[in-house]
Each structure stands twice: as structure tokens, then as C-alpha cells.
Full PDB file with SEQRES, HELIX, SHEET, SSBOND, CRYST1, ORIGX, SCALE, CONECT and MASTER records, all heavy atoms in Angstrom:
SEQRES   1 A   32  PRO PRO PHE THR GLU GLU SER ALA LEU ALA LYS VAL ARG          
SEQRES   2 A   32  ALA ALA GLU ASP ALA TRP ASN SER ARG ASP PRO GLU ARG          
SEQRES   3 A   32  VAL ALA LEU ALA TYR THR                                      
HELIX    1 AA1 GLU A    5  SER A   21  1                                  17    
HELIX    2 AA2 PRO A   24  ALA A   28  1                                   5    
CRYST1    1.000    1.000    1.000  90.00  90.00  90.00 P 1           1          
ORIGX1      1.000000  0.000000  0.000000        0.00000                         
ORIGX2      0.000000  1.000000  0.000000        0.00000                         
ORIGX3      0.000000  0.000000  1.000000        0.00000                         
SCALE1      1.000000  0.000000  0.000000        0.00000                         
SCALE2      0.000000  1.000000  0.000000        0.00000                         
SCALE3      0.000000  0.000000  1.000000        0.00000                         
ATOM      1  N   PRO A   1       3.728   6.500 -50.565  1.00  0.00           N  
ATOM      2  CA  PRO A   1       3.472   7.608 -49.635  1.00  0.00           C  
ATOM      3  C   PRO A   1       4.705   7.845 -48.763  1.00  0.00           C  
ATOM      4  O   PRO A   1       5.520   6.941 -48.607  1.00  0.00           O  
ATOM      5  CB  PRO A   1       2.291   7.100 -48.809  1.00  0.00           C  
ATOM      6  CG  PRO A   1       2.239   5.632 -48.994  1.00  0.00           C  
ATOM      7  CD  PRO A   1       2.951   5.314 -50.274  1.00  0.00           C  
ATOM      8  N   PRO A   2       4.804   9.053 -48.219  1.00  0.00           N  
ATOM      9  CA  PRO A   2       3.856  10.162 -48.294  1.00  0.00           C  
ATOM     10  C   PRO A   2       3.916  10.824 -49.681  1.00  0.00           C  
ATOM     11  O   PRO A   2       4.977  10.940 -50.284  1.00  0.00           O  
ATOM     12  CB  PRO A   2       4.312  11.120 -47.192  1.00  0.00           C  
ATOM     13  CG  PRO A   2       5.766  10.825 -47.020  1.00  0.00           C  
ATOM     14  CD  PRO A   2       5.952   9.369 -47.350  1.00  0.00           C  
ATOM     15  N   PHE A   3       2.747  11.246 -50.154  1.00  0.00           N  
ATOM     16  CA  PHE A   3       2.632  11.778 -51.510  1.00  0.00           C  
ATOM     17  C   PHE A   3       2.975  13.259 -51.588  1.00  0.00           C  
ATOM     18  O   PHE A   3       2.680  14.028 -50.684  1.00  0.00           O  
ATOM     19  CB  PHE A   3       1.218  11.543 -52.040  1.00  0.00           C  
ATOM     20  CG  PHE A   3       0.884  10.092 -52.192  1.00  0.00           C  
ATOM     21  CD1 PHE A   3      -0.030   9.483 -51.353  1.00  0.00           C  
ATOM     22  CD2 PHE A   3       1.512   9.324 -53.153  1.00  0.00           C  
ATOM     23  CE1 PHE A   3      -0.327   8.135 -51.475  1.00  0.00           C  
ATOM     24  CE2 PHE A   3       1.234   7.975 -53.293  1.00  0.00           C  
ATOM     25  CZ  PHE A   3       0.310   7.378 -52.446  1.00  0.00           C  
ATOM     26  N   THR A   4       3.586  13.605 -52.698  1.00  0.00           N  
ATOM     27  CA  THR A   4       3.768  14.993 -53.105  1.00  0.00           C  
ATOM     28  C   THR A   4       2.749  15.233 -54.217  1.00  0.00           C  
ATOM     29  O   THR A   4       2.101  14.284 -54.691  1.00  0.00           O  
ATOM     30  CB  THR A   4       5.178  15.221 -53.672  1.00  0.00           C  
ATOM     31  OG1 THR A   4       5.322  14.417 -54.862  1.00  0.00           O  
ATOM     32  CG2 THR A   4       6.256  14.857 -52.656  1.00  0.00           C  
ATOM     33  N   GLU A   5       2.628  16.449 -54.672  1.00  0.00           N  
ATOM     34  CA  GLU A   5       1.711  16.697 -55.789  1.00  0.00           C  
ATOM     35  C   GLU A   5       2.110  15.863 -56.999  1.00  0.00           C  
ATOM     36  O   GLU A   5       1.264  15.234 -57.633  1.00  0.00           O  
ATOM     37  CB  GLU A   5       1.677  18.179 -56.152  1.00  0.00           C  
ATOM     38  CG  GLU A   5       0.693  18.467 -57.275  1.00  0.00           C  
ATOM     39  CD  GLU A   5       0.551  19.941 -57.596  1.00  0.00           C  
ATOM     40  OE1 GLU A   5       1.307  20.762 -57.047  1.00  0.00           O  
ATOM     41  OE2 GLU A   5      -0.331  20.258 -58.399  1.00  0.00           O  
ATOM     42  N   GLU A   6       3.397  15.823 -57.298  1.00  0.00           N  
ATOM     43  CA  GLU A   6       3.882  15.064 -58.452  1.00  0.00           C  
ATOM     44  C   GLU A   6       3.587  13.573 -58.312  1.00  0.00           C  
ATOM     45  O   GLU A   6       3.105  12.929 -59.240  1.00  0.00           O  
ATOM     46  CB  GLU A   6       5.382  15.297 -58.633  1.00  0.00           C  
ATOM     47  CG  GLU A   6       5.963  14.573 -59.824  1.00  0.00           C  
ATOM     48  CD  GLU A   6       7.462  14.811 -59.979  1.00  0.00           C  
ATOM     49  OE1 GLU A   6       8.076  15.482 -59.129  1.00  0.00           O  
ATOM     50  OE2 GLU A   6       8.011  14.297 -60.967  1.00  0.00           O  
ATOM     51  N   SER A   7       3.871  13.002 -57.144  1.00  0.00           N  
ATOM     52  CA  SER A   7       3.656  11.561 -56.969  1.00  0.00           C  
ATOM     53  C   SER A   7       2.167  11.220 -56.891  1.00  0.00           C  
ATOM     54  O   SER A   7       1.744  10.161 -57.370  1.00  0.00           O  
ATOM     55  CB  SER A   7       4.419  11.031 -55.757  1.00  0.00           C  
ATOM     56  OG  SER A   7       3.954  11.589 -54.550  1.00  0.00           O  
ATOM     57  N   ALA A   8       1.353  12.105 -56.314  1.00  0.00           N  
ATOM     58  CA  ALA A   8      -0.096  11.871 -56.284  1.00  0.00           C  
ATOM     59  C   ALA A   8      -0.660  11.895 -57.698  1.00  0.00           C  
ATOM     60  O   ALA A   8      -1.493  11.045 -58.059  1.00  0.00           O  
ATOM     61  CB  ALA A   8      -0.786  12.911 -55.408  1.00  0.00           C  
ATOM     62  N   LEU A   9      -0.209  12.841 -58.517  1.00  0.00           N  
ATOM     63  CA  LEU A   9      -0.653  12.883 -59.925  1.00  0.00           C  
ATOM     64  C   LEU A   9      -0.240  11.617 -60.668  1.00  0.00           C  
ATOM     65  O   LEU A   9      -1.025  11.067 -61.451  1.00  0.00           O  
ATOM     66  CB  LEU A   9      -0.077  14.114 -60.630  1.00  0.00           C  
ATOM     67  CG  LEU A   9      -0.747  15.433 -60.313  1.00  0.00           C  
ATOM     68  CD1 LEU A   9       0.104  16.603 -60.816  1.00  0.00           C  
ATOM     69  CD2 LEU A   9      -2.149  15.489 -60.921  1.00  0.00           C  
ATOM     70  N   ALA A  10       0.965  11.133 -60.413  1.00  0.00           N  
ATOM     71  CA  ALA A  10       1.423   9.892 -61.049  1.00  0.00           C  
ATOM     72  C   ALA A  10       0.564   8.705 -60.616  1.00  0.00           C  
ATOM     73  O   ALA A  10       0.238   7.830 -61.434  1.00  0.00           O  
ATOM     74  CB  ALA A  10       2.895   9.641 -60.722  1.00  0.00           C  
ATOM     75  N   LYS A  11       0.179   8.662 -59.347  1.00  0.00           N  
ATOM     76  CA  LYS A  11      -0.665   7.572 -58.849  1.00  0.00           C  
ATOM     77  C   LYS A  11      -2.034   7.617 -59.522  1.00  0.00           C  
ATOM     78  O   LYS A  11      -2.583   6.578 -59.908  1.00  0.00           O  
ATOM     79  CB  LYS A  11      -0.801   7.706 -57.321  1.00  0.00           C  
ATOM     80  CG  LYS A  11      -1.203   6.449 -56.625  1.00  0.00           C  
ATOM     81  CD  LYS A  11      -0.130   5.400 -56.734  1.00  0.00           C  
ATOM     82  CE  LYS A  11       0.019   4.574 -55.495  1.00  0.00           C  
ATOM     83  NZ  LYS A  11       0.957   3.462 -55.705  1.00  0.00           N  
ATOM     84  N   VAL A  12      -2.588   8.814 -59.677  1.00  0.00           N  
ATOM     85  CA  VAL A  12      -3.893   8.974 -60.330  1.00  0.00           C  
ATOM     86  C   VAL A  12      -3.805   8.527 -61.791  1.00  0.00           C  
ATOM     87  O   VAL A  12      -4.687   7.818 -62.284  1.00  0.00           O  
ATOM     88  CB  VAL A  12      -4.394  10.431 -60.210  1.00  0.00           C  
ATOM     89  CG1 VAL A  12      -5.634  10.667 -61.055  1.00  0.00           C  
ATOM     90  CG2 VAL A  12      -4.661  10.770 -58.744  1.00  0.00           C  
ATOM     91  N   ARG A  13      -2.745   8.943 -62.513  1.00  0.00           N  
ATOM     92  CA  ARG A  13      -2.591   8.539 -63.924  1.00  0.00           C  
ATOM     93  C   ARG A  13      -2.454   7.024 -64.037  1.00  0.00           C  
ATOM     94  O   ARG A  13      -3.027   6.411 -64.940  1.00  0.00           O  
ATOM     95  CB  ARG A  13      -1.362   9.196 -64.558  1.00  0.00           C  
ATOM     96  CG  ARG A  13      -1.472  10.672 -64.826  1.00  0.00           C  
ATOM     97  CD  ARG A  13      -2.436  11.095 -65.949  1.00  0.00           C  
ATOM     98  NE  ARG A  13      -3.847  10.979 -65.664  1.00  0.00           N  
ATOM     99  CZ  ARG A  13      -4.586  11.820 -64.912  1.00  0.00           C  
ATOM    100  NH1 ARG A  13      -4.052  12.869 -64.351  1.00  0.00           N  
ATOM    101  NH2 ARG A  13      -5.865  11.607 -64.719  1.00  0.00           N  
ATOM    102  N   ALA A  14      -1.692   6.405 -63.138  1.00  0.00           N  
ATOM    103  CA  ALA A  14      -1.527   4.950 -63.170  1.00  0.00           C  
ATOM    104  C   ALA A  14      -2.861   4.249 -62.951  1.00  0.00           C  
ATOM    105  O   ALA A  14      -3.183   3.256 -63.628  1.00  0.00           O  
ATOM    106  CB  ALA A  14      -0.502   4.512 -62.122  1.00  0.00           C  
ATOM    107  N   ALA A  15      -3.657   4.761 -62.021  1.00  0.00           N  
ATOM    108  CA  ALA A  15      -4.977   4.169 -61.772  1.00  0.00           C  
ATOM    109  C   ALA A  15      -5.879   4.340 -62.993  1.00  0.00           C  
ATOM    110  O   ALA A  15      -6.569   3.394 -63.396  1.00  0.00           O  
ATOM    111  CB  ALA A  15      -5.621   4.808 -60.545  1.00  0.00           C  
ATOM    112  N   GLU A  16      -5.875   5.524 -63.577  1.00  0.00           N  
ATOM    113  CA  GLU A  16      -6.693   5.762 -64.776  1.00  0.00           C  
ATOM    114  C   GLU A  16      -6.297   4.802 -65.893  1.00  0.00           C  
ATOM    115  O   GLU A  16      -7.172   4.183 -66.523  1.00  0.00           O  
ATOM    116  CB  GLU A  16      -6.511   7.205 -65.227  1.00  0.00           C  
ATOM    117  CG  GLU A  16      -7.306   7.567 -66.468  1.00  0.00           C  
ATOM    118  CD  GLU A  16      -7.058   8.994 -66.899  1.00  0.00           C  
ATOM    119  OE1 GLU A  16      -7.701   9.895 -66.332  1.00  0.00           O  
ATOM    120  OE2 GLU A  16      -6.212   9.205 -67.790  1.00  0.00           O  
ATOM    121  N   ASP A  17      -5.004   4.652 -66.132  1.00  0.00           N  
ATOM    122  CA  ASP A  17      -4.539   3.740 -67.186  1.00  0.00           C  
ATOM    123  C   ASP A  17      -4.962   2.302 -66.909  1.00  0.00           C  
ATOM    124  O   ASP A  17      -5.411   1.595 -67.821  1.00  0.00           O  
ATOM    125  CB  ASP A  17      -3.014   3.804 -67.316  1.00  0.00           C  
ATOM    126  CG  ASP A  17      -2.530   5.121 -67.883  1.00  0.00           C  
ATOM    127  OD1 ASP A  17      -3.344   5.902 -68.433  1.00  0.00           O  
ATOM    128  OD2 ASP A  17      -1.312   5.396 -67.763  1.00  0.00           O  
ATOM    129  N   ALA A  18      -4.819   1.870 -65.671  1.00  0.00           N  
ATOM    130  CA  ALA A  18      -5.194   0.495 -65.336  1.00  0.00           C  
ATOM    131  C   ALA A  18      -6.690   0.270 -65.531  1.00  0.00           C  
ATOM    132  O   ALA A  18      -7.104  -0.718 -66.156  1.00  0.00           O  
ATOM    133  CB  ALA A  18      -4.784   0.170 -63.900  1.00  0.00           C  
ATOM    134  N   TRP A  19      -7.523   1.178 -65.027  1.00  0.00           N  
ATOM    135  CA  TRP A  19      -8.974   1.011 -65.162  1.00  0.00           C  
ATOM    136  C   TRP A  19      -9.397   1.056 -66.623  1.00  0.00           C  
ATOM    137  O   TRP A  19     -10.303   0.333 -67.034  1.00  0.00           O  
ATOM    138  CB  TRP A  19      -9.717   2.055 -64.332  1.00  0.00           C  
ATOM    139  CG  TRP A  19      -9.783   1.702 -62.878  1.00  0.00           C  
ATOM    140  CD1 TRP A  19      -8.755   1.683 -61.987  1.00  0.00           C  
ATOM    141  CD2 TRP A  19     -10.939   1.291 -62.158  1.00  0.00           C  
ATOM    142  NE1 TRP A  19      -9.210   1.292 -60.750  1.00  0.00           N  
ATOM    143  CE2 TRP A  19     -10.542   1.048 -60.831  1.00  0.00           C  
ATOM    144  CE3 TRP A  19     -12.276   1.123 -62.513  1.00  0.00           C  
ATOM    145  CZ2 TRP A  19     -11.440   0.629 -59.847  1.00  0.00           C  
ATOM    146  CZ3 TRP A  19     -13.171   0.714 -61.528  1.00  0.00           C  
ATOM    147  CH2 TRP A  19     -12.749   0.466 -60.222  1.00  0.00           C  
ATOM    148  N   ASN A  20      -8.754   1.886 -67.429  1.00  0.00           N  
ATOM    149  CA  ASN A  20      -9.107   1.941 -68.850  1.00  0.00           C  
ATOM    150  C   ASN A  20      -8.693   0.690 -69.606  1.00  0.00           C  
ATOM    151  O   ASN A  20      -9.189   0.440 -70.707  1.00  0.00           O  
ATOM    152  CB  ASN A  20      -8.530   3.200 -69.502  1.00  0.00           C  
ATOM    153  CG  ASN A  20      -9.396   4.410 -69.254  1.00  0.00           C  
ATOM    154  OD1 ASN A  20     -10.620   4.313 -69.202  1.00  0.00           O  
ATOM    155  ND2 ASN A  20      -8.765   5.553 -69.079  1.00  0.00           N  
ATOM    156  N   SER A  21      -7.822  -0.122 -69.031  1.00  0.00           N  
ATOM    157  CA  SER A  21      -7.476  -1.406 -69.655  1.00  0.00           C  
ATOM    158  C   SER A  21      -8.637  -2.391 -69.567  1.00  0.00           C  
ATOM    159  O   SER A  21      -8.691  -3.352 -70.318  1.00  0.00           O  
ATOM    160  CB  SER A  21      -6.235  -2.013 -68.993  1.00  0.00           C  
ATOM    161  OG  SER A  21      -6.556  -2.580 -67.722  1.00  0.00           O  
ATOM    162  N   ARG A  22      -9.544  -2.158 -68.608  1.00  0.00           N  
ATOM    163  CA  ARG A  22     -10.672  -3.053 -68.340  1.00  0.00           C  
ATOM    164  C   ARG A  22     -10.198  -4.489 -68.058  1.00  0.00           C  
ATOM    165  O   ARG A  22     -10.876  -5.458 -68.376  1.00  0.00           O  
ATOM    166  CB  ARG A  22     -11.693  -3.013 -69.473  1.00  0.00           C  
ATOM    167  CG  ARG A  22     -12.314  -1.647 -69.638  1.00  0.00           C  
ATOM    168  CD  ARG A  22     -13.406  -1.615 -70.682  1.00  0.00           C  
ATOM    169  NE  ARG A  22     -12.968  -1.948 -72.016  1.00  0.00           N  
ATOM    170  CZ  ARG A  22     -12.749  -1.074 -72.994  1.00  0.00           C  
ATOM    171  NH1 ARG A  22     -12.928   0.203 -72.780  1.00  0.00           N  
ATOM    172  NH2 ARG A  22     -12.371  -1.473 -74.180  1.00  0.00           N  
ATOM    173  N   ASP A  23      -9.044  -4.589 -67.435  1.00  0.00           N  
ATOM    174  CA  ASP A  23      -8.456  -5.877 -67.072  1.00  0.00           C  
ATOM    175  C   ASP A  23      -8.568  -6.043 -65.555  1.00  0.00           C  
ATOM    176  O   ASP A  23      -7.790  -5.429 -64.806  1.00  0.00           O  
ATOM    177  CB  ASP A  23      -6.996  -5.903 -67.519  1.00  0.00           C  
ATOM    178  CG  ASP A  23      -6.275  -7.185 -67.150  1.00  0.00           C  
ATOM    179  OD1 ASP A  23      -6.791  -7.991 -66.335  1.00  0.00           O  
ATOM    180  OD2 ASP A  23      -5.164  -7.394 -67.668  1.00  0.00           O  
ATOM    181  N   PRO A  24      -9.533  -6.846 -65.083  1.00  0.00           N  
ATOM    182  CA  PRO A  24      -9.741  -6.988 -63.635  1.00  0.00           C  
ATOM    183  C   PRO A  24      -8.485  -7.432 -62.874  1.00  0.00           C  
ATOM    184  O   PRO A  24      -8.237  -6.960 -61.767  1.00  0.00           O  
ATOM    185  CB  PRO A  24     -10.846  -8.036 -63.512  1.00  0.00           C  
ATOM    186  CG  PRO A  24     -11.546  -7.987 -64.827  1.00  0.00           C  
ATOM    187  CD  PRO A  24     -10.501  -7.639 -65.847  1.00  0.00           C  
ATOM    188  N   GLU A  25      -7.688  -8.296 -63.468  1.00  0.00           N  
ATOM    189  CA  GLU A  25      -6.474  -8.768 -62.798  1.00  0.00           C  
ATOM    190  C   GLU A  25      -5.475  -7.631 -62.638  1.00  0.00           C  
ATOM    191  O   GLU A  25      -4.916  -7.441 -61.558  1.00  0.00           O  
ATOM    192  CB  GLU A  25      -5.842  -9.921 -63.579  1.00  0.00           C  
ATOM    193  CG  GLU A  25      -4.612 -10.497 -62.917  1.00  0.00           C  
ATOM    194  CD  GLU A  25      -4.903 -11.125 -61.560  1.00  0.00           C  
ATOM    195  OE1 GLU A  25      -6.002 -11.652 -61.347  1.00  0.00           O  
ATOM    196  OE2 GLU A  25      -4.010 -11.076 -60.695  1.00  0.00           O  
ATOM    197  N   ARG A  26      -5.253  -6.887 -63.688  1.00  0.00           N  
ATOM    198  CA  ARG A  26      -4.314  -5.755 -63.624  1.00  0.00           C  
ATOM    199  C   ARG A  26      -4.744  -4.740 -62.568  1.00  0.00           C  
ATOM    200  O   ARG A  26      -3.937  -4.277 -61.769  1.00  0.00           O  
ATOM    201  CB  ARG A  26      -4.211  -5.085 -64.996  1.00  0.00           C  
ATOM    202  CG  ARG A  26      -3.318  -3.874 -65.005  1.00  0.00           C  
ATOM    203  CD  ARG A  26      -3.235  -3.243 -66.379  1.00  0.00           C  
ATOM    204  NE  ARG A  26      -2.539  -1.969 -66.308  1.00  0.00           N  
ATOM    205  CZ  ARG A  26      -2.473  -1.101 -67.288  1.00  0.00           C  
ATOM    206  NH1 ARG A  26      -3.051  -1.375 -68.452  1.00  0.00           N  
ATOM    207  NH2 ARG A  26      -1.832   0.041 -67.138  1.00  0.00           N  
ATOM    208  N   VAL A  27      -6.015  -4.403 -62.559  1.00  0.00           N  
ATOM    209  CA  VAL A  27      -6.522  -3.421 -61.602  1.00  0.00           C  
ATOM    210  C   VAL A  27      -6.421  -3.968 -60.180  1.00  0.00           C  
ATOM    211  O   VAL A  27      -5.959  -3.269 -59.268  1.00  0.00           O  
ATOM    212  CB  VAL A  27      -7.968  -3.014 -61.947  1.00  0.00           C  
ATOM    213  CG1 VAL A  27      -8.546  -2.107 -60.869  1.00  0.00           C  
ATOM    214  CG2 VAL A  27      -8.020  -2.317 -63.312  1.00  0.00           C  
ATOM    215  N   ALA A  28      -6.811  -5.201 -59.965  1.00  0.00           N  
ATOM    216  CA  ALA A  28      -6.825  -5.784 -58.620  1.00  0.00           C  
ATOM    217  C   ALA A  28      -5.439  -5.838 -57.989  1.00  0.00           C  
ATOM    218  O   ALA A  28      -5.309  -5.734 -56.761  1.00  0.00           O  
ATOM    219  CB  ALA A  28      -7.442  -7.179 -58.658  1.00  0.00           C  
ATOM    220  N   LEU A  29      -4.394  -5.958 -58.793  1.00  0.00           N  
ATOM    221  CA  LEU A  29      -3.037  -6.037 -58.248  1.00  0.00           C  
ATOM    222  C   LEU A  29      -2.568  -4.742 -57.597  1.00  0.00           C  
ATOM    223  O   LEU A  29      -1.563  -4.730 -56.893  1.00  0.00           O  
ATOM    224  CB  LEU A  29      -2.054  -6.461 -59.341  1.00  0.00           C  
ATOM    225  CG  LEU A  29      -2.171  -7.916 -59.772  1.00  0.00           C  
ATOM    226  CD1 LEU A  29      -1.242  -8.189 -60.949  1.00  0.00           C  
ATOM    227  CD2 LEU A  29      -1.893  -8.864 -58.612  1.00  0.00           C  
ATOM    228  N   ALA A  30      -3.292  -3.648 -57.801  1.00  0.00           N  
ATOM    229  CA  ALA A  30      -2.935  -2.376 -57.164  1.00  0.00           C  
ATOM    230  C   ALA A  30      -3.460  -2.278 -55.728  1.00  0.00           C  
ATOM    231  O   ALA A  30      -3.168  -1.313 -55.031  1.00  0.00           O  
ATOM    232  CB  ALA A  30      -3.471  -1.214 -57.991  1.00  0.00           C  
ATOM    233  N   TYR A  31      -4.213  -3.277 -55.278  1.00  0.00           N  
ATOM    234  CA  TYR A  31      -4.852  -3.261 -53.966  1.00  0.00           C  
ATOM    235  C   TYR A  31      -4.222  -4.299 -53.052  1.00  0.00           C  
ATOM    236  O   TYR A  31      -3.747  -5.339 -53.495  1.00  0.00           O  
ATOM    237  CB  TYR A  31      -6.360  -3.536 -54.119  1.00  0.00           C  
ATOM    238  CG  TYR A  31      -7.008  -2.494 -54.983  1.00  0.00           C  
ATOM    239  CD1 TYR A  31      -7.135  -2.679 -56.352  1.00  0.00           C  
ATOM    240  CD2 TYR A  31      -7.435  -1.281 -54.446  1.00  0.00           C  
ATOM    241  CE1 TYR A  31      -7.682  -1.695 -57.166  1.00  0.00           C  
ATOM    242  CE2 TYR A  31      -7.985  -0.297 -55.253  1.00  0.00           C  
ATOM    243  CZ  TYR A  31      -8.106  -0.516 -56.610  1.00  0.00           C  
ATOM    244  OH  TYR A  31      -8.629   0.476 -57.405  1.00  0.00           O  
ATOM    245  N   THR A  32      -4.247  -4.035 -51.745  1.00  0.00           N  
ATOM    246  CA  THR A  32      -3.744  -5.018 -50.789  1.00  0.00           C  
ATOM    247  C   THR A  32      -4.640  -6.259 -50.834  1.00  0.00           C  
ATOM    248  O   THR A  32      -5.797  -6.188 -51.265  1.00  0.00           O  
ATOM    249  CB  THR A  32      -3.736  -4.450 -49.351  1.00  0.00           C  
ATOM    250  OG1 THR A  32      -5.069  -4.114 -48.964  1.00  0.00           O  
ATOM    251  CG2 THR A  32      -2.826  -3.231 -49.230  1.00  0.00           C  
TER     252      THR A  32                                                      
MASTER        0    0    0    2    0    0    0    6  251    1    0    3          
END                                                                             
């Protein structure tokens, strides 16, 4: 942050890819 449209879209795609991996460790590392 601060996000632009391009960077916000990239963040959303990264989250979608991580969640679709169904890997709890990979997903959890994106959080504080």
C-alpha cells in the first residue's frame, strides 16, 4: 500500500492463486 488499481488487482490475483492452492501454510504467510 497505498494501492493503485493495478496493484490492488495484483493483490487480488495473488490471494486467489494462494487460496486455490489449498495450502494452509502458503495462505497463512500472507497475514500478519
